[in-house]
Amino acid sequence: MEVRPNFAEFLKIASAVTVEAEYTNRLVDIIHEGVDVAIRIGDLPDSELSARKLGEVRYGLYASPDYLRRAPPLRGTANLANHDLIMHAPRGRPNWTLINGPRRERIDQAPRCAINNIVAATNMALAGLGIAQLPQYMAEPHVKHGALERVLRDWARTPAPVHAVFASSRYMDPKVRGFVDLAVARFLGEGRADQTQA
C-alpha cells in the first residue's frame, strides 16, 4: 500500500499526533534534520540508523496506447533502440538494467527524457511521450483504465527493497513505533511502497 493512505489511517488511530511530511528524492539526514522516520526505496548504506524492512517495489515497462500505435514494433529489448525512453534518473547517467530470469540486458541509449521524479515520469508516459519503467503499484491502476499498457512483460529491473529507517529502536518514541508497526502490517499485506520522508 502507499504510504500516503498510511498517514490518514495512522492519524485516525493516534488522534493526538500531528504529521509533517516531506516528499523528496534526496537522502535526508535523519538525526541532524530531526526526522522521526523515513521510508526509503533501495539498498541501504551501512549506518548507525535502525531499519525495518517493509517489503519491495516491483517494476515494469509501460507506455500509452497512443504512443504504441505511433511507435515501431516492440518485440524484444533490442527494439528499445528505436523507441523514445523516459528514464527515472535520480543521479548519474541514466540507464536501465533489465532482468528476465538469468538473462540481463543493459539499456544504455540516451533517453528522450531523463527525470528525477517518478510521478513526472509516469505523467510523461501517460502523455504518450515514450516508454517508462515504473513501479507496478503506480502504473497498474492506469493499465486498468486503459491509459497505459505494459510492454516486454518478462523484462524489468530487479525489485527494490523498502525500509522504514529511524534513529534508534532502543529508545523509539511510541508514536514512531506505532507508525512503523502500521507500515509493516500494511506493506506485508499489500506489498507496495512510496517514496516519503515523515
N, C-alpha and C. Protein backbone atom coordinates (compact mmCIF):
# COMPACT_ATOMS: atom_id res chain seq x y z
N MET A 1 0.83 -1.18 0.00
CA MET A 1 0.00 0.00 0.00
C MET A 1 0.86 1.23 0.00
N GLU A 2 0.36 2.33 -0.49
CA GLU A 2 1.12 3.56 -0.49
C GLU A 2 1.23 4.12 0.91
N VAL A 3 2.29 4.90 1.13
CA VAL A 3 2.49 5.49 2.45
C VAL A 3 1.46 6.57 2.75
N ARG A 4 1.03 7.29 1.72
CA ARG A 4 0.10 8.40 1.98
C ARG A 4 -1.19 7.96 2.67
N PRO A 5 -1.86 6.88 2.21
CA PRO A 5 -3.02 6.40 2.99
C PRO A 5 -2.66 5.98 4.40
N ASN A 6 -1.41 5.50 4.60
CA ASN A 6 -0.98 5.16 5.95
C ASN A 6 -1.04 6.35 6.87
N PHE A 7 -0.70 7.54 6.36
CA PHE A 7 -0.77 8.73 7.19
C PHE A 7 -2.19 8.93 7.71
N ALA A 8 -3.14 8.82 6.79
CA ALA A 8 -4.53 9.05 7.19
C ALA A 8 -4.97 8.01 8.22
N GLU A 9 -4.63 6.76 7.98
CA GLU A 9 -5.02 5.70 8.92
C GLU A 9 -4.34 5.89 10.27
N PHE A 10 -3.05 6.26 10.23
CA PHE A 10 -2.31 6.45 11.47
C PHE A 10 -2.88 7.62 12.27
N LEU A 11 -3.22 8.70 11.60
CA LEU A 11 -3.77 9.87 12.29
C LEU A 11 -5.14 9.58 12.90
N LYS A 12 -5.90 8.69 12.28
CA LYS A 12 -7.18 8.29 12.87
C LYS A 12 -6.97 7.50 14.15
N ILE A 13 -5.93 6.65 14.13
CA ILE A 13 -5.64 5.83 15.30
C ILE A 13 -5.04 6.68 16.41
N ALA A 14 -4.07 7.54 16.05
CA ALA A 14 -3.34 8.37 17.03
C ALA A 14 -3.85 9.80 16.93
N SER A 15 -4.98 10.07 17.51
CA SER A 15 -5.66 11.35 17.30
C SER A 15 -4.90 12.54 17.87
N ALA A 16 -3.96 12.32 18.81
CA ALA A 16 -3.21 13.43 19.40
C ALA A 16 -1.92 13.72 18.65
N VAL A 17 -1.60 12.94 17.62
CA VAL A 17 -0.34 13.09 16.89
C VAL A 17 -0.55 13.98 15.67
N THR A 18 0.45 14.82 15.37
CA THR A 18 0.46 15.59 14.13
C THR A 18 1.59 15.08 13.25
N VAL A 19 1.45 15.24 11.95
CA VAL A 19 2.44 14.74 10.99
C VAL A 19 2.90 15.87 10.10
N GLU A 20 4.21 15.98 9.92
CA GLU A 20 4.79 16.87 8.91
C GLU A 20 5.53 15.98 7.93
N ALA A 21 5.08 15.94 6.68
CA ALA A 21 5.64 15.02 5.68
C ALA A 21 6.41 15.78 4.62
N GLU A 22 7.52 15.19 4.18
CA GLU A 22 8.31 15.74 3.08
C GLU A 22 8.52 14.66 2.05
N TYR A 23 8.14 14.93 0.81
CA TYR A 23 8.35 14.01 -0.29
C TYR A 23 9.58 14.49 -1.06
N THR A 24 10.64 13.69 -1.11
CA THR A 24 11.88 14.16 -1.70
C THR A 24 12.69 13.00 -2.24
N ASN A 25 13.53 13.29 -3.24
CA ASN A 25 14.46 12.31 -3.77
C ASN A 25 15.81 12.33 -3.05
N ARG A 26 16.08 13.38 -2.28
CA ARG A 26 17.38 13.49 -1.63
C ARG A 26 17.44 12.57 -0.41
N LEU A 27 18.66 12.22 -0.02
CA LEU A 27 18.87 11.39 1.15
C LEU A 27 18.87 12.28 2.39
N VAL A 28 17.82 12.19 3.17
CA VAL A 28 17.66 13.04 4.34
C VAL A 28 18.55 12.55 5.48
N ASP A 29 19.20 13.50 6.17
CA ASP A 29 19.98 13.18 7.37
C ASP A 29 19.01 13.13 8.54
N ILE A 30 18.59 11.93 8.90
CA ILE A 30 17.52 11.75 9.87
C ILE A 30 17.86 12.40 11.21
N ILE A 31 19.06 12.18 11.70
CA ILE A 31 19.43 12.67 13.02
C ILE A 31 19.56 14.19 13.03
N HIS A 32 20.35 14.75 12.11
CA HIS A 32 20.62 16.18 12.14
C HIS A 32 19.45 17.03 11.67
N GLU A 33 18.55 16.45 10.89
CA GLU A 33 17.38 17.20 10.42
C GLU A 33 16.15 16.95 11.29
N GLY A 34 16.28 16.12 12.31
CA GLY A 34 15.17 15.89 13.22
C GLY A 34 14.01 15.13 12.61
N VAL A 35 14.30 14.21 11.69
CA VAL A 35 13.26 13.41 11.06
C VAL A 35 13.01 12.16 11.91
N ASP A 36 11.76 11.88 12.21
CA ASP A 36 11.43 10.72 13.04
C ASP A 36 11.61 9.40 12.30
N VAL A 37 11.07 9.34 11.08
CA VAL A 37 11.14 8.09 10.30
C VAL A 37 11.12 8.43 8.82
N ALA A 38 11.88 7.67 8.04
CA ALA A 38 11.89 7.81 6.59
C ALA A 38 11.54 6.48 5.96
N ILE A 39 10.82 6.53 4.85
CA ILE A 39 10.55 5.33 4.05
C ILE A 39 11.49 5.42 2.86
N ARG A 40 12.40 4.46 2.75
CA ARG A 40 13.41 4.51 1.70
C ARG A 40 13.32 3.29 0.79
N ILE A 41 13.45 3.56 -0.50
CA ILE A 41 13.41 2.51 -1.52
C ILE A 41 14.83 2.30 -2.03
N GLY A 42 15.28 1.04 -2.03
CA GLY A 42 16.62 0.71 -2.50
C GLY A 42 17.47 0.17 -1.37
N ASP A 43 18.66 -0.28 -1.75
CA ASP A 43 19.57 -0.82 -0.74
C ASP A 43 20.02 0.28 0.20
N LEU A 44 20.15 -0.06 1.47
CA LEU A 44 20.54 0.91 2.48
C LEU A 44 22.06 0.91 2.67
N PRO A 45 22.67 2.10 2.77
CA PRO A 45 24.10 2.14 3.11
C PRO A 45 24.31 1.74 4.56
N ASP A 46 25.50 1.28 4.87
CA ASP A 46 25.83 0.98 6.26
C ASP A 46 25.76 2.26 7.08
N SER A 47 25.09 2.20 8.21
CA SER A 47 24.99 3.37 9.08
C SER A 47 24.61 2.91 10.48
N GLU A 48 24.53 3.88 11.39
CA GLU A 48 24.14 3.57 12.76
C GLU A 48 22.63 3.66 12.94
N LEU A 49 21.91 3.91 11.86
CA LEU A 49 20.45 4.00 11.93
C LEU A 49 19.84 2.61 12.04
N SER A 50 18.65 2.56 12.60
CA SER A 50 17.88 1.32 12.66
C SER A 50 16.92 1.27 11.47
N ALA A 51 16.55 0.09 11.07
CA ALA A 51 15.65 -0.06 9.92
C ALA A 51 14.82 -1.32 10.07
N ARG A 52 13.61 -1.27 9.51
CA ARG A 52 12.77 -2.47 9.39
C ARG A 52 12.33 -2.59 7.94
N LYS A 53 12.53 -3.78 7.39
CA LYS A 53 12.13 -4.00 6.00
C LYS A 53 10.62 -4.11 5.94
N LEU A 54 10.04 -3.36 4.99
CA LEU A 54 8.59 -3.36 4.81
C LEU A 54 8.17 -4.30 3.68
N GLY A 55 9.01 -4.42 2.68
CA GLY A 55 8.66 -5.22 1.51
C GLY A 55 9.54 -4.82 0.35
N GLU A 56 9.00 -4.86 -0.85
CA GLU A 56 9.76 -4.47 -2.03
C GLU A 56 8.83 -3.88 -3.08
N VAL A 57 9.43 -3.08 -3.96
CA VAL A 57 8.71 -2.49 -5.08
C VAL A 57 9.07 -3.27 -6.34
N ARG A 58 8.06 -3.69 -7.08
CA ARG A 58 8.27 -4.38 -8.35
C ARG A 58 7.97 -3.41 -9.49
N TYR A 59 8.68 -3.58 -10.60
CA TYR A 59 8.64 -2.64 -11.71
C TYR A 59 8.19 -3.31 -13.00
N GLY A 60 7.85 -2.49 -13.97
CA GLY A 60 7.53 -2.96 -15.31
C GLY A 60 7.76 -1.83 -16.29
N LEU A 61 7.74 -2.16 -17.58
CA LEU A 61 7.86 -1.17 -18.64
C LEU A 61 6.47 -0.83 -19.16
N TYR A 62 6.18 0.46 -19.26
CA TYR A 62 4.83 0.90 -19.61
C TYR A 62 4.87 2.03 -20.65
N ALA A 63 3.85 2.05 -21.48
CA ALA A 63 3.67 3.13 -22.45
C ALA A 63 2.18 3.30 -22.70
N SER A 64 1.83 4.45 -23.22
CA SER A 64 0.41 4.70 -23.51
C SER A 64 0.01 4.00 -24.81
N PRO A 65 -1.25 3.62 -24.96
CA PRO A 65 -1.71 3.03 -26.23
C PRO A 65 -1.46 3.95 -27.42
N ASP A 66 -1.60 5.26 -27.21
CA ASP A 66 -1.36 6.22 -28.29
C ASP A 66 0.09 6.16 -28.75
N TYR A 67 1.02 6.13 -27.81
CA TYR A 67 2.43 6.04 -28.19
C TYR A 67 2.69 4.74 -28.95
N LEU A 68 2.17 3.63 -28.45
CA LEU A 68 2.43 2.34 -29.07
C LEU A 68 1.84 2.24 -30.48
N ARG A 69 0.74 2.93 -30.73
CA ARG A 69 0.17 2.95 -32.09
C ARG A 69 1.11 3.66 -33.06
N ARG A 70 1.80 4.70 -32.59
CA ARG A 70 2.66 5.51 -33.45
C ARG A 70 4.07 4.96 -33.56
N ALA A 71 4.47 4.12 -32.60
CA ALA A 71 5.87 3.72 -32.47
C ALA A 71 6.19 2.49 -33.32
N PRO A 72 7.47 2.22 -33.55
CA PRO A 72 7.88 1.00 -34.27
C PRO A 72 7.50 -0.25 -33.47
N PRO A 73 7.50 -1.42 -34.11
CA PRO A 73 7.19 -2.66 -33.38
C PRO A 73 8.14 -2.87 -32.20
N LEU A 74 7.62 -3.50 -31.15
CA LEU A 74 8.41 -3.75 -29.94
C LEU A 74 8.27 -5.24 -29.59
N ARG A 75 9.22 -6.03 -30.07
CA ARG A 75 9.15 -7.48 -29.87
C ARG A 75 10.20 -8.00 -28.90
N GLY A 76 11.19 -7.18 -28.60
CA GLY A 76 12.25 -7.59 -27.69
C GLY A 76 13.05 -6.39 -27.24
N THR A 77 13.98 -6.60 -26.32
CA THR A 77 14.76 -5.49 -25.77
C THR A 77 15.59 -4.79 -26.84
N ALA A 78 16.01 -5.51 -27.88
CA ALA A 78 16.80 -4.88 -28.94
C ALA A 78 16.01 -3.78 -29.64
N ASN A 79 14.69 -3.92 -29.68
CA ASN A 79 13.85 -2.90 -30.33
C ASN A 79 13.78 -1.60 -29.56
N LEU A 80 14.17 -1.62 -28.28
CA LEU A 80 14.11 -0.38 -27.49
C LEU A 80 14.98 0.71 -28.10
N ALA A 81 16.00 0.34 -28.86
CA ALA A 81 16.87 1.32 -29.52
C ALA A 81 16.09 2.21 -30.48
N ASN A 82 14.95 1.74 -30.95
CA ASN A 82 14.13 2.50 -31.89
C ASN A 82 13.02 3.28 -31.21
N HIS A 83 13.02 3.32 -29.88
CA HIS A 83 11.92 3.92 -29.14
C HIS A 83 12.37 5.11 -28.30
N ASP A 84 11.41 5.96 -27.98
CA ASP A 84 11.63 7.05 -27.04
C ASP A 84 11.52 6.49 -25.63
N LEU A 85 12.55 6.70 -24.84
CA LEU A 85 12.56 6.20 -23.47
C LEU A 85 12.49 7.35 -22.48
N ILE A 86 11.75 7.11 -21.42
CA ILE A 86 11.63 8.06 -20.31
C ILE A 86 12.29 7.39 -19.11
N MET A 87 13.44 7.89 -18.70
CA MET A 87 14.20 7.21 -17.65
C MET A 87 14.17 8.01 -16.36
N HIS A 88 13.79 7.33 -15.30
CA HIS A 88 13.89 7.91 -13.96
C HIS A 88 15.35 7.85 -13.56
N ALA A 89 15.97 9.01 -13.40
CA ALA A 89 17.41 9.08 -13.14
C ALA A 89 17.68 10.04 -12.00
N PRO A 90 17.58 9.56 -10.74
CA PRO A 90 17.80 10.45 -9.61
C PRO A 90 19.21 11.02 -9.56
N ARG A 91 20.19 10.25 -10.03
CA ARG A 91 21.58 10.73 -10.04
C ARG A 91 22.36 9.92 -11.06
N GLY A 92 23.39 10.54 -11.61
CA GLY A 92 24.26 9.82 -12.54
C GLY A 92 23.67 9.69 -13.93
N ARG A 93 24.36 8.94 -14.78
CA ARG A 93 23.94 8.74 -16.16
C ARG A 93 22.75 7.81 -16.22
N PRO A 94 21.68 8.19 -16.91
CA PRO A 94 20.51 7.32 -16.95
C PRO A 94 20.75 6.06 -17.76
N ASN A 95 20.26 4.94 -17.26
CA ASN A 95 20.30 3.67 -17.99
C ASN A 95 19.33 2.72 -17.30
N TRP A 96 19.03 1.63 -17.97
CA TRP A 96 18.23 0.56 -17.39
C TRP A 96 19.04 -0.72 -17.38
N THR A 97 18.94 -1.49 -16.32
CA THR A 97 19.40 -2.87 -16.31
C THR A 97 18.16 -3.74 -16.15
N LEU A 98 17.81 -4.46 -17.20
CA LEU A 98 16.59 -5.26 -17.22
C LEU A 98 16.93 -6.73 -17.01
N ILE A 99 16.10 -7.39 -16.22
CA ILE A 99 16.32 -8.79 -15.86
C ILE A 99 15.14 -9.63 -16.36
N ASN A 100 15.48 -10.79 -16.89
CA ASN A 100 14.46 -11.78 -17.28
C ASN A 100 15.01 -13.15 -16.88
N GLY A 101 14.68 -13.59 -15.66
CA GLY A 101 15.27 -14.82 -15.15
C GLY A 101 16.78 -14.65 -15.06
N PRO A 102 17.56 -15.57 -15.67
CA PRO A 102 19.02 -15.43 -15.62
C PRO A 102 19.57 -14.44 -16.63
N ARG A 103 18.74 -13.95 -17.53
CA ARG A 103 19.20 -13.04 -18.58
C ARG A 103 19.20 -11.61 -18.07
N ARG A 104 20.18 -10.84 -18.54
CA ARG A 104 20.34 -9.45 -18.10
C ARG A 104 20.70 -8.59 -19.31
N GLU A 105 20.01 -7.48 -19.47
CA GLU A 105 20.28 -6.55 -20.57
C GLU A 105 20.46 -5.15 -20.00
N ARG A 106 21.53 -4.48 -20.45
CA ARG A 106 21.75 -3.09 -20.05
C ARG A 106 21.33 -2.19 -21.21
N ILE A 107 20.43 -1.27 -20.93
CA ILE A 107 19.94 -0.32 -21.93
C ILE A 107 20.62 1.01 -21.66
N ASP A 108 21.57 1.35 -22.54
CA ASP A 108 22.44 2.50 -22.30
C ASP A 108 22.16 3.67 -23.22
N GLN A 109 21.18 3.55 -24.10
CA GLN A 109 20.95 4.63 -25.05
C GLN A 109 20.46 5.89 -24.35
N ALA A 110 20.71 7.02 -24.97
CA ALA A 110 20.25 8.29 -24.40
C ALA A 110 18.73 8.33 -24.44
N PRO A 111 18.08 8.60 -23.30
CA PRO A 111 16.62 8.66 -23.29
C PRO A 111 16.11 9.94 -23.91
N ARG A 112 14.86 9.93 -24.31
CA ARG A 112 14.25 11.19 -24.76
C ARG A 112 14.14 12.15 -23.59
N CYS A 113 13.89 11.58 -22.40
CA CYS A 113 13.80 12.41 -21.21
C CYS A 113 14.36 11.65 -20.02
N ALA A 114 15.28 12.29 -19.28
CA ALA A 114 15.77 11.76 -18.01
C ALA A 114 15.23 12.67 -16.91
N ILE A 115 14.60 12.09 -15.93
CA ILE A 115 13.91 12.89 -14.92
C ILE A 115 14.09 12.27 -13.55
N ASN A 116 14.14 13.11 -12.52
CA ASN A 116 14.44 12.58 -11.18
C ASN A 116 13.20 12.38 -10.32
N ASN A 117 12.03 12.37 -10.95
CA ASN A 117 10.79 12.23 -10.20
C ASN A 117 9.92 11.18 -10.87
N ILE A 118 9.55 10.13 -10.13
CA ILE A 118 8.83 9.02 -10.72
C ILE A 118 7.40 9.40 -11.08
N VAL A 119 6.81 10.35 -10.36
CA VAL A 119 5.46 10.81 -10.70
C VAL A 119 5.49 11.54 -12.04
N ALA A 120 6.51 12.39 -12.25
CA ALA A 120 6.64 13.09 -13.52
C ALA A 120 6.90 12.11 -14.65
N ALA A 121 7.70 11.06 -14.40
CA ALA A 121 7.94 10.04 -15.42
C ALA A 121 6.64 9.34 -15.80
N THR A 122 5.82 9.05 -14.80
CA THR A 122 4.52 8.44 -15.05
C THR A 122 3.66 9.35 -15.91
N ASN A 123 3.63 10.63 -15.57
CA ASN A 123 2.82 11.58 -16.33
C ASN A 123 3.29 11.70 -17.78
N MET A 124 4.61 11.62 -18.00
CA MET A 124 5.13 11.68 -19.37
C MET A 124 4.71 10.45 -20.16
N ALA A 125 4.74 9.29 -19.51
CA ALA A 125 4.27 8.08 -20.19
C ALA A 125 2.79 8.19 -20.52
N LEU A 126 2.00 8.71 -19.59
CA LEU A 126 0.57 8.90 -19.83
C LEU A 126 0.32 9.87 -20.98
N ALA A 127 1.21 10.84 -21.15
CA ALA A 127 1.07 11.82 -22.23
C ALA A 127 1.53 11.29 -23.58
N GLY A 128 1.99 10.04 -23.63
CA GLY A 128 2.37 9.43 -24.90
C GLY A 128 3.76 9.80 -25.38
N LEU A 129 4.66 10.13 -24.45
CA LEU A 129 5.99 10.59 -24.84
C LEU A 129 7.03 9.47 -24.91
N GLY A 130 6.65 8.25 -24.54
CA GLY A 130 7.60 7.16 -24.65
C GLY A 130 7.33 6.05 -23.65
N ILE A 131 8.33 5.19 -23.50
CA ILE A 131 8.26 4.04 -22.61
C ILE A 131 8.97 4.39 -21.31
N ALA A 132 8.32 4.12 -20.19
CA ALA A 132 8.90 4.40 -18.87
C ALA A 132 8.93 3.11 -18.06
N GLN A 133 9.94 2.99 -17.22
CA GLN A 133 9.99 1.89 -16.26
C GLN A 133 9.43 2.41 -14.95
N LEU A 134 8.30 1.85 -14.53
CA LEU A 134 7.54 2.41 -13.41
C LEU A 134 7.25 1.34 -12.36
N PRO A 135 7.08 1.77 -11.11
CA PRO A 135 6.60 0.84 -10.09
C PRO A 135 5.23 0.31 -10.48
N GLN A 136 5.03 -0.98 -10.33
CA GLN A 136 3.75 -1.57 -10.72
C GLN A 136 2.59 -0.96 -9.94
N TYR A 137 2.80 -0.64 -8.66
CA TYR A 137 1.69 -0.11 -7.88
C TYR A 137 1.22 1.25 -8.39
N MET A 138 2.13 1.99 -9.07
CA MET A 138 1.73 3.27 -9.65
C MET A 138 1.13 3.10 -11.04
N ALA A 139 1.66 2.16 -11.81
CA ALA A 139 1.26 2.04 -13.20
C ALA A 139 0.00 1.20 -13.41
N GLU A 140 -0.17 0.14 -12.63
CA GLU A 140 -1.27 -0.78 -12.91
C GLU A 140 -2.67 -0.16 -12.82
N PRO A 141 -2.93 0.80 -11.91
CA PRO A 141 -4.25 1.45 -11.97
C PRO A 141 -4.51 2.12 -13.32
N HIS A 142 -3.47 2.68 -13.95
CA HIS A 142 -3.62 3.30 -15.27
C HIS A 142 -3.83 2.24 -16.35
N VAL A 143 -3.21 1.06 -16.17
CA VAL A 143 -3.46 -0.04 -17.10
C VAL A 143 -4.92 -0.48 -17.01
N LYS A 144 -5.41 -0.56 -15.80
CA LYS A 144 -6.80 -0.97 -15.59
C LYS A 144 -7.78 -0.05 -16.30
N HIS A 145 -7.44 1.25 -16.37
CA HIS A 145 -8.32 2.23 -17.01
C HIS A 145 -7.96 2.48 -18.47
N GLY A 146 -7.01 1.70 -19.01
CA GLY A 146 -6.69 1.80 -20.43
C GLY A 146 -5.75 2.93 -20.80
N ALA A 147 -5.17 3.62 -19.84
CA ALA A 147 -4.30 4.76 -20.13
C ALA A 147 -2.85 4.34 -20.36
N LEU A 148 -2.45 3.17 -19.86
CA LEU A 148 -1.12 2.63 -20.07
C LEU A 148 -1.23 1.16 -20.44
N GLU A 149 -0.21 0.66 -21.13
CA GLU A 149 -0.08 -0.76 -21.40
C GLU A 149 1.29 -1.23 -20.95
N ARG A 150 1.36 -2.43 -20.41
CA ARG A 150 2.66 -2.99 -20.05
C ARG A 150 3.27 -3.64 -21.28
N VAL A 151 4.55 -3.39 -21.50
CA VAL A 151 5.25 -3.94 -22.67
C VAL A 151 6.43 -4.78 -22.19
N LEU A 152 6.89 -5.68 -23.05
CA LEU A 152 8.00 -6.57 -22.71
C LEU A 152 7.83 -7.11 -21.29
N ARG A 153 6.73 -7.79 -21.07
CA ARG A 153 6.29 -8.16 -19.72
C ARG A 153 7.31 -8.99 -18.95
N ASP A 154 8.17 -9.72 -19.65
CA ASP A 154 9.13 -10.58 -18.96
C ASP A 154 10.37 -9.81 -18.48
N TRP A 155 10.47 -8.53 -18.86
CA TRP A 155 11.67 -7.75 -18.55
C TRP A 155 11.34 -6.63 -17.58
N ALA A 156 12.20 -6.45 -16.58
CA ALA A 156 12.08 -5.33 -15.64
C ALA A 156 13.34 -5.28 -14.79
N ARG A 157 13.53 -4.20 -14.10
CA ARG A 157 14.65 -4.12 -13.16
C ARG A 157 14.36 -5.03 -11.97
N THR A 158 15.39 -5.35 -11.21
CA THR A 158 15.18 -6.17 -10.02
C THR A 158 14.31 -5.41 -9.03
N PRO A 159 13.48 -6.10 -8.27
CA PRO A 159 12.67 -5.41 -7.26
C PRO A 159 13.57 -4.66 -6.28
N ALA A 160 13.07 -3.53 -5.78
CA ALA A 160 13.83 -2.70 -4.85
C ALA A 160 13.27 -2.88 -3.44
N PRO A 161 14.13 -3.13 -2.45
CA PRO A 161 13.64 -3.26 -1.08
C PRO A 161 13.14 -1.93 -0.54
N VAL A 162 12.18 -2.00 0.37
CA VAL A 162 11.63 -0.81 1.02
C VAL A 162 11.82 -0.95 2.53
N HIS A 163 12.38 0.09 3.14
CA HIS A 163 12.63 0.06 4.58
C HIS A 163 12.05 1.29 5.26
N ALA A 164 11.62 1.11 6.49
CA ALA A 164 11.39 2.25 7.39
C ALA A 164 12.70 2.45 8.15
N VAL A 165 13.23 3.66 8.12
CA VAL A 165 14.53 3.96 8.73
C VAL A 165 14.31 5.00 9.82
N PHE A 166 14.95 4.79 10.97
CA PHE A 166 14.77 5.70 12.11
C PHE A 166 16.03 5.70 12.96
N ALA A 167 16.09 6.62 13.91
CA ALA A 167 17.34 6.85 14.63
C ALA A 167 17.74 5.67 15.51
N SER A 168 16.82 5.11 16.29
CA SER A 168 17.19 4.04 17.20
C SER A 168 15.95 3.25 17.58
N SER A 169 16.08 1.92 17.60
CA SER A 169 14.95 1.10 18.05
C SER A 169 14.96 0.94 19.56
N ARG A 170 16.08 1.27 20.20
CA ARG A 170 16.19 1.08 21.65
C ARG A 170 15.35 2.11 22.40
N TYR A 171 15.38 3.36 21.93
CA TYR A 171 14.64 4.41 22.61
C TYR A 171 13.59 5.02 21.67
N MET A 172 12.91 4.17 20.93
CA MET A 172 11.97 4.67 19.92
C MET A 172 10.76 5.32 20.57
N ASP A 173 10.43 6.52 20.09
CA ASP A 173 9.24 7.23 20.53
C ASP A 173 8.02 6.36 20.22
N PRO A 174 7.07 6.26 21.14
CA PRO A 174 5.88 5.42 20.89
C PRO A 174 5.13 5.78 19.61
N LYS A 175 5.10 7.08 19.25
CA LYS A 175 4.37 7.46 18.03
C LYS A 175 5.11 6.94 16.79
N VAL A 176 6.46 6.94 16.85
CA VAL A 176 7.24 6.41 15.73
C VAL A 176 7.05 4.90 15.65
N ARG A 177 7.11 4.22 16.79
CA ARG A 177 6.90 2.77 16.80
C ARG A 177 5.52 2.42 16.26
N GLY A 178 4.51 3.21 16.64
CA GLY A 178 3.16 2.94 16.15
C GLY A 178 3.06 3.08 14.65
N PHE A 179 3.69 4.13 14.09
CA PHE A 179 3.64 4.33 12.64
C PHE A 179 4.39 3.21 11.92
N VAL A 180 5.57 2.85 12.44
CA VAL A 180 6.37 1.80 11.80
C VAL A 180 5.62 0.46 11.85
N ASP A 181 5.02 0.15 13.00
CA ASP A 181 4.26 -1.11 13.10
C ASP A 181 3.10 -1.14 12.11
N LEU A 182 2.41 -0.01 11.96
CA LEU A 182 1.31 0.06 11.00
C LEU A 182 1.84 -0.11 9.57
N ALA A 183 2.96 0.55 9.25
CA ALA A 183 3.53 0.44 7.91
C ALA A 183 3.93 -1.00 7.61
N VAL A 184 4.56 -1.66 8.57
CA VAL A 184 4.96 -3.06 8.38
C VAL A 184 3.74 -3.92 8.09
N ALA A 185 2.69 -3.76 8.88
CA ALA A 185 1.49 -4.57 8.69
C ALA A 185 0.87 -4.34 7.32
N ARG A 186 0.80 -3.08 6.89
CA ARG A 186 0.15 -2.78 5.62
C ARG A 186 1.01 -3.21 4.43
N PHE A 187 2.32 -2.97 4.50
CA PHE A 187 3.18 -3.35 3.39
C PHE A 187 3.24 -4.86 3.24
N LEU A 188 3.29 -5.59 4.35
CA LEU A 188 3.29 -7.04 4.27
C LEU A 188 2.00 -7.56 3.65
N GLY A 189 0.91 -6.83 3.90
CA GLY A 189 -0.38 -7.25 3.37
C GLY A 189 -0.53 -6.98 1.89
N GLU A 190 0.07 -5.88 1.40
CA GLU A 190 -0.19 -5.49 0.03
C GLU A 190 1.06 -5.36 -0.83
N GLY A 191 2.27 -5.28 -0.21
CA GLY A 191 3.50 -5.29 -0.98
C GLY A 191 3.71 -4.11 -1.86
N ARG A 192 3.34 -2.89 -1.41
CA ARG A 192 3.53 -1.69 -2.21
C ARG A 192 4.35 -0.69 -1.42
N ALA A 193 4.75 0.39 -2.13
CA ALA A 193 5.59 1.38 -1.45
C ALA A 193 5.48 2.73 -2.12
N ASP A 194 5.96 3.73 -1.42
CA ASP A 194 6.02 5.09 -1.93
C ASP A 194 7.29 5.70 -1.42
N GLN A 195 7.71 6.82 -2.01
CA GLN A 195 8.92 7.49 -1.57
C GLN A 195 8.53 8.67 -0.69
N THR A 196 8.73 8.53 0.59
CA THR A 196 8.25 9.53 1.52
C THR A 196 9.19 9.68 2.68
N GLN A 197 9.38 10.91 3.12
CA GLN A 197 10.04 11.17 4.38
C GLN A 197 8.98 11.72 5.33
N ALA A 198 8.99 11.32 6.59
CA ALA A 198 7.98 11.81 7.52
C ALA A 198 8.63 12.20 8.83
